[in-house]
Every structure is written in C-alpha cells, then in structure tokens.
Amino acid sequence: MQSTLIAILLIGASVVSAQEKSDGPPCGLPPFVDVLPAKQSKDLRETWKDWKEGGECVKEQTATHEILGILTPEEHRAVVGGGTWRAESTI
C-alpha cells in the first residue's frame, strides 16, 4: 500500500513537471512588442494587461497568434530580423 501511494505521488509529480516544461511559447507579453507596428503592439498590450504571472495563458496566447498572424511578410521580417517598422506603414 505504501509503495502504491509513493508511485502515485511520483507519477503526479512527473505530470506536473512535464506540464511546466511546455514546448509552447512562454506566457507573457512578447519581448518584441516594441518593434511591431503600432496597432499590433497596442493589441498585444491590451491582450496581456490582465494576465498574472503563473496563471494560465491559453486565451492570451491564442489572441497573440491571431494578432501576429496578420503581419505582412515585410513586417514579419522586421520583427524577426530586428529591424524597425515605420509607423506610417501600419494598418
């Protein structure tokens, strides 16, 4: 009985540990938010404003994916390549 309880606790701990080591993007405002076009930057800040450290962020990550999904190839290159995007070219 004691060994069964220990096994259950170990399995539970490894499940929690595996969930914490997610391969997905980290929760929180993306570090490149300042190089995005103004609209996407504003939308991302609004999306993440109520999120608390350690909390779930599935809703925020989904919204982030949608916000970033509308970037043009040129905007995407500017973000990934570390370039800057001119405000007059934003949507």
C-alpha atoms as a PDB file:
ATOM      1  CA  MET A   1       0.000   0.000   0.000  1.00  0.00           C
ATOM      2  CA  GLN A   2       2.782   2.435   0.896  1.00  0.00           C
ATOM      3  CA  SER A   3       4.647   1.668  -2.333  1.00  0.00           C
ATOM      4  CA  THR A   4       1.442   2.264  -4.332  1.00  0.00           C
ATOM      5  CA  LEU A   5       0.986   5.659  -2.689  1.00  0.00           C
ATOM      6  CA  ILE A   6       4.611   6.593  -3.433  1.00  0.00           C
ATOM      7  CA  ALA A   7       4.188   5.514  -7.067  1.00  0.00           C
ATOM      8  CA  ILE A   8       1.034   7.642  -7.414  1.00  0.00           C
ATOM      9  CA  LEU A   9       2.799  10.668  -5.935  1.00  0.00           C
ATOM     10  CA  LEU A  10       5.790  10.233  -8.248  1.00  0.00           C
ATOM     11  CA  ILE A  11       3.583   9.921 -11.325  1.00  0.00           C
ATOM     12  CA  GLY A  12       1.638  13.020 -10.288  1.00  0.00           C
ATOM     13  CA  ALA A  13       4.857  14.977  -9.779  1.00  0.00           C
ATOM     14  CA  SER A  14       6.183  13.988 -13.193  1.00  0.00           C
ATOM     15  CA  VAL A  15       2.924  15.011 -14.901  1.00  0.00           C
ATOM     16  CA  VAL A  16       3.081  18.446 -13.246  1.00  0.00           C
ATOM     17  CA  SER A  17       6.760  18.772 -14.165  1.00  0.00           C
ATOM     18  CA  ALA A  18       6.057  17.854 -17.792  1.00  0.00           C
ATOM     19  CA  GLN A  19       3.268  20.426 -17.964  1.00  0.00           C
ATOM     20  CA  GLU A  20       5.596  23.131 -16.636  1.00  0.00           C
ATOM     21  CA  LYS A  21       8.159  22.319 -19.341  1.00  0.00           C
ATOM     22  CA  SER A  22       5.800  23.092 -22.196  1.00  0.00           C
ATOM     23  CA  ASP A  23       7.292  23.349 -25.660  1.00  0.00           C
ATOM     24  CA  GLY A  24       4.928  26.200 -26.467  1.00  0.00           C
ATOM     25  CA  PRO A  25       5.671  29.887 -26.237  1.00  0.00           C
ATOM     26  CA  PRO A  26       6.113  31.310 -22.761  1.00  0.00           C
ATOM     27  CA  CYS A  27       3.291  33.221 -21.137  1.00  0.00           C
ATOM     28  CA  GLY A  28       3.592  36.987 -21.087  1.00  0.00           C
ATOM     29  CA  LEU A  29       3.918  39.948 -23.389  1.00  0.00           C
ATOM     30  CA  PRO A  30       6.283  39.026 -26.237  1.00  0.00           C
ATOM     31  CA  PRO A  31       9.704  40.682 -25.923  1.00  0.00           C
ATOM     32  CA  PHE A  32       9.477  42.056 -29.470  1.00  0.00           C
ATOM     33  CA  VAL A  33       6.296  44.043 -28.818  1.00  0.00           C
ATOM     34  CA  ASP A  34       8.139  47.360 -29.233  1.00  0.00           C
ATOM     35  CA  VAL A  35       9.248  46.605 -32.805  1.00  0.00           C
ATOM     36  CA  LEU A  36       5.764  45.676 -34.024  1.00  0.00           C
ATOM     37  CA  PRO A  37       3.516  48.005 -35.979  1.00  0.00           C
ATOM     38  CA  ALA A  38       1.617  50.322 -33.618  1.00  0.00           C
ATOM     39  CA  LYS A  39      -1.741  48.539 -33.946  1.00  0.00           C
ATOM     40  CA  GLN A  40      -0.372  45.077 -33.187  1.00  0.00           C
ATOM     41  CA  SER A  41       1.734  46.435 -30.334  1.00  0.00           C
ATOM     42  CA  LYS A  42      -1.334  48.111 -28.809  1.00  0.00           C
ATOM     43  CA  ASP A  43      -3.480  44.995 -29.323  1.00  0.00           C
ATOM     44  CA  LEU A  44      -0.863  42.756 -27.663  1.00  0.00           C
ATOM     45  CA  ARG A  45      -0.525  45.089 -24.678  1.00  0.00           C
ATOM     46  CA  GLU A  46      -4.310  45.085 -24.295  1.00  0.00           C
ATOM     47  CA  THR A  47      -4.422  41.275 -24.593  1.00  0.00           C
ATOM     48  CA  TRP A  48      -1.840  40.694 -21.848  1.00  0.00           C
ATOM     49  CA  LYS A  49      -2.711  43.565 -19.454  1.00  0.00           C
ATOM     50  CA  ASP A  50      -4.747  41.448 -17.002  1.00  0.00           C
ATOM     51  CA  TRP A  51      -2.627  38.283 -17.125  1.00  0.00           C
ATOM     52  CA  LYS A  52      -0.902  37.394 -13.839  1.00  0.00           C
ATOM     53  CA  GLU A  53       2.487  35.641 -13.595  1.00  0.00           C
ATOM     54  CA  GLY A  54       1.965  31.915 -13.062  1.00  0.00           C
ATOM     55  CA  GLY A  55      -1.593  31.975 -14.378  1.00  0.00           C
ATOM     56  CA  GLU A  56      -2.904  30.133 -17.402  1.00  0.00           C
ATOM     57  CA  CYS A  57      -2.478  31.999 -20.657  1.00  0.00           C
ATOM     58  CA  VAL A  58      -4.167  29.907 -23.353  1.00  0.00           C
ATOM     59  CA  LYS A  59      -6.621  32.688 -24.198  1.00  0.00           C
ATOM     60  CA  GLU A  60      -3.841  35.284 -24.400  1.00  0.00           C
ATOM     61  CA  GLN A  61      -1.591  33.036 -26.497  1.00  0.00           C
ATOM     62  CA  THR A  62      -4.435  32.350 -28.907  1.00  0.00           C
ATOM     63  CA  ALA A  63      -5.115  36.079 -29.268  1.00  0.00           C
ATOM     64  CA  THR A  64      -1.372  36.745 -29.705  1.00  0.00           C
ATOM     65  CA  HIS A  65      -1.209  34.175 -32.500  1.00  0.00           C
ATOM     66  CA  GLU A  66      -4.175  35.838 -34.236  1.00  0.00           C
ATOM     67  CA  ILE A  67      -2.705  39.343 -33.821  1.00  0.00           C
ATOM     68  CA  LEU A  68       0.686  38.315 -35.193  1.00  0.00           C
ATOM     69  CA  GLY A  69      -0.887  36.206 -37.923  1.00  0.00           C
ATOM     70  CA  ILE A  70      -1.965  39.304 -39.842  1.00  0.00           C
ATOM     71  CA  LEU A  71       1.547  40.722 -40.176  1.00  0.00           C
ATOM     72  CA  THR A  72       2.716  41.149 -43.731  1.00  0.00           C
ATOM     73  CA  PRO A  73       5.881  39.298 -44.777  1.00  0.00           C
ATOM     74  CA  GLU A  74       7.762  42.624 -44.611  1.00  0.00           C
ATOM     75  CA  GLU A  75       6.529  43.296 -41.056  1.00  0.00           C
ATOM     76  CA  HIS A  76       7.404  39.747 -40.018  1.00  0.00           C
ATOM     77  CA  ARG A  77      10.955  40.140 -41.366  1.00  0.00           C
ATOM     78  CA  ALA A  78      11.327  43.430 -39.493  1.00  0.00           C
ATOM     79  CA  VAL A  79      10.332  41.739 -36.223  1.00  0.00           C
ATOM     80  CA  VAL A  80      12.356  38.559 -36.691  1.00  0.00           C
ATOM     81  CA  GLY A  81      15.341  40.334 -38.202  1.00  0.00           C
ATOM     82  CA  GLY A  82      15.429  43.007 -35.514  1.00  0.00           C
ATOM     83  CA  GLY A  83      14.616  45.794 -37.930  1.00  0.00           C
ATOM     84  CA  THR A  84      12.209  48.577 -37.188  1.00  0.00           C
ATOM     85  CA  TRP A  85       8.843  49.163 -38.732  1.00  0.00           C
ATOM     86  CA  ARG A  86       7.790  52.627 -39.855  1.00  0.00           C
ATOM     87  CA  ALA A  87       4.611  53.790 -38.102  1.00  0.00           C
ATOM     88  CA  GLU A  88       3.216  55.271 -41.324  1.00  0.00           C
ATOM     89  CA  SER A  89       3.100  51.762 -42.816  1.00  0.00           C
ATOM     90  CA  THR A  90       0.883  50.249 -40.109  1.00  0.00           C
ATOM     91  CA  ILE A  91      -2.625  49.034 -40.717  1.00  0.00           C
END
